[in-house]
C-alpha atoms as a PDB file:
ATOM      1  CA  ASP A   1     -29.323 -31.767  60.717  1.00  0.00           C
ATOM      2  CA  TYR A   2     -32.204 -30.331  57.964  1.00  0.00           C
ATOM      3  CA  ASN A   3     -30.935 -26.932  59.034  1.00  0.00           C
ATOM      4  CA  GLU A   4     -27.626 -27.242  57.675  1.00  0.00           C
ATOM      5  CA  ALA A   5     -28.654 -29.054  54.649  1.00  0.00           C
ATOM      6  CA  ALA A   6     -30.878 -26.390  53.906  1.00  0.00           C
ATOM      7  CA  ALA A   7     -28.264 -23.641  54.573  1.00  0.00           C
ATOM      8  CA  LEU A   8     -25.504 -25.906  52.680  1.00  0.00           C
ATOM      9  CA  LEU A   9     -27.805 -26.252  49.389  1.00  0.00           C
ATOM     10  CA  SER A  10     -29.296 -22.108  49.592  1.00  0.00           C
ATOM     11  CA  SER A  11     -24.934 -21.462  49.976  1.00  0.00           C
ATOM     12  CA  GLU A  12     -24.239 -23.641  47.230  1.00  0.00           C
ATOM     13  CA  GLY A  13     -27.499 -22.926  44.349  1.00  0.00           C
ATOM     14  CA  GLU A  14     -26.072 -18.851  45.363  1.00  0.00           C
ATOM     15  CA  LYS A  15     -22.650 -20.165  43.985  1.00  0.00           C
ATOM     16  CA  LEU A  16     -23.619 -21.514  40.981  1.00  0.00           C
ATOM     17  CA  ARG A  17     -26.750 -18.452  40.326  1.00  0.00           C
ATOM     18  CA  MET A  18     -23.459 -16.157  40.372  1.00  0.00           C
ATOM     19  CA  SER A  19     -20.952 -18.284  38.486  1.00  0.00           C
ATOM     20  CA  ILE A  20     -24.008 -18.510  35.999  1.00  0.00           C
ATOM     21  CA  GLU A  21     -24.327 -14.811  36.005  1.00  0.00           C
ATOM     22  CA  ARG A  22     -20.627 -14.173  35.482  1.00  0.00           C
ATOM     23  CA  GLU A  23     -20.629 -16.268  32.937  1.00  0.00           C
ATOM     24  CA  GLU A  24     -23.343 -14.705  31.006  1.00  0.00           C
ATOM     25  CA  THR A  25     -22.072 -11.232  31.896  1.00  0.00           C
ATOM     26  CA  GLU A  26     -18.810 -12.322  30.217  1.00  0.00           C
ATOM     27  CA  ARG A  27     -20.778 -13.621  27.239  1.00  0.00           C
ATOM     28  CA  ILE A  28     -22.625 -10.757  26.665  1.00  0.00           C
ATOM     29  CA  LEU A  29     -19.637  -8.435  26.709  1.00  0.00           C
ATOM     30  CA  THR A  30     -17.206 -10.188  24.431  1.00  0.00           C
ATOM     31  CA  PHE A  31     -20.227 -10.110  22.188  1.00  0.00           C
ATOM     32  CA  LEU A  32     -20.699  -6.731  22.489  1.00  0.00           C
ATOM     33  CA  LYS A  33     -17.195  -5.995  21.698  1.00  0.00           C
ATOM     34  CA  SER A  34     -17.341  -8.254  18.605  1.00  0.00           C
ATOM     35  CA  GLU A  35     -17.955  -6.602  15.292  1.00  0.00           C
ATOM     36  CA  GLY A  36     -21.673  -8.228  15.078  1.00  0.00           C
ATOM     37  CA  GLY A  37     -22.274  -6.303  19.244  1.00  0.00           C
ATOM     38  CA  HIS A  38     -20.945  -3.245  17.356  1.00  0.00           C
ATOM     39  CA  ALA A  39     -23.513  -3.267  14.346  1.00  0.00           C
ATOM     40  CA  TYR A  40     -26.848  -4.628  17.429  1.00  0.00           C
ATOM     41  CA  LEU A  41     -25.807  -1.593  19.093  1.00  0.00           C
ATOM     42  CA  ARG A  42     -25.519   1.075  15.832  1.00  0.00           C
ATOM     43  CA  GLU A  43     -29.492  -0.516  15.444  1.00  0.00           C
ATOM     44  CA  GLN A  44     -30.687   0.091  19.160  1.00  0.00           C
ATOM     45  CA  ILE A  45     -28.943   3.592  19.332  1.00  0.00           C
ATOM     46  CA  GLU A  46     -30.587   4.153  15.352  1.00  0.00           C
ATOM     47  CA  GLN A  47     -33.862   3.144  16.569  1.00  0.00           C
ATOM     48  CA  ALA A  48     -33.780   4.692  19.933  1.00  0.00           C
ATOM     49  CA  CYS A  49     -32.808   7.807  17.629  1.00  0.00           C
ATOM     50  CA  LEU A  50     -35.611   7.232  15.429  1.00  0.00           C
ATOM     51  CA  ALA A  51     -38.142   6.525  17.920  1.00  0.00           C
ATOM     52  CA  THR A  52     -37.091   9.782  19.575  1.00  0.00           C
ATOM     53  CA  SER A  53     -37.331  12.039  17.242  1.00  0.00           C
ATOM     54  CA  SER A  54     -40.720  11.009  15.793  1.00  0.00           C
ATOM     55  CA  ASP A  55     -42.380  10.935  19.326  1.00  0.00           C
ATOM     56  CA  ALA A  56     -41.112  14.368  19.201  1.00  0.00           C
ATOM     57  CA  THR A  57     -42.126  14.941  16.325  1.00  0.00           C
ATOM     58  CA  SER A  58     -45.529  13.548  16.443  1.00  0.00           C
ATOM     59  CA  GLU A  59     -45.535  15.880  19.818  1.00  0.00           C
ATOM     60  CA  GLY A  60     -45.085  18.858  17.777  1.00  0.00           C
ATOM     61  CA  ILE A  61     -47.972  17.925  15.409  1.00  0.00           C
ATOM     62  CA  GLN A  62     -50.063  17.636  18.031  1.00  0.00           C
ATOM     63  CA  ASN A  63     -49.143  21.060  19.995  1.00  0.00           C
ATOM     64  CA  SER A  64     -49.753  22.777  16.702  1.00  0.00           C
ATOM     65  CA  SER A  65     -52.738  20.743  16.187  1.00  0.00           C
ATOM     66  CA  THR A  66     -54.279  22.078  19.610  1.00  0.00           C
ATOM     67  CA  ALA A  67     -52.758  25.566  19.407  1.00  0.00           C
ATOM     68  CA  ALA A  68     -54.598  26.290  15.785  1.00  0.00           C
ATOM     69  CA  SER A  69     -57.837  24.544  17.231  1.00  0.00           C
ATOM     70  CA  ARG A  70     -57.298  27.255  19.884  1.00  0.00           C
ATOM     71  CA  ARG A  71     -56.911  30.112  17.654  1.00  0.00           C
ATOM     72  CA  MET A  72     -60.019  28.783  15.329  1.00  0.00           C
ATOM     73  CA  ARG A  73     -62.103  28.711  18.723  1.00  0.00           C
ATOM     74  CA  ALA A  74     -61.198  32.600  19.855  1.00  0.00           C
END
């Protein structure tokens, strides 16, 4: 009947989705364990550190500028 077929298709679809996710996860982990993966991770970490450092520097400059403006007005 229609409901049984729909349930079976849904179940098979879910199994397929889980299988694809598992294969994708294994592929990503294999890449990350490789030398290319190590280089990719190093690059991502460096970019994150530079972005954080640059944000902190920009914020520090902005705070210094605001403080200087306040002192000049006082």
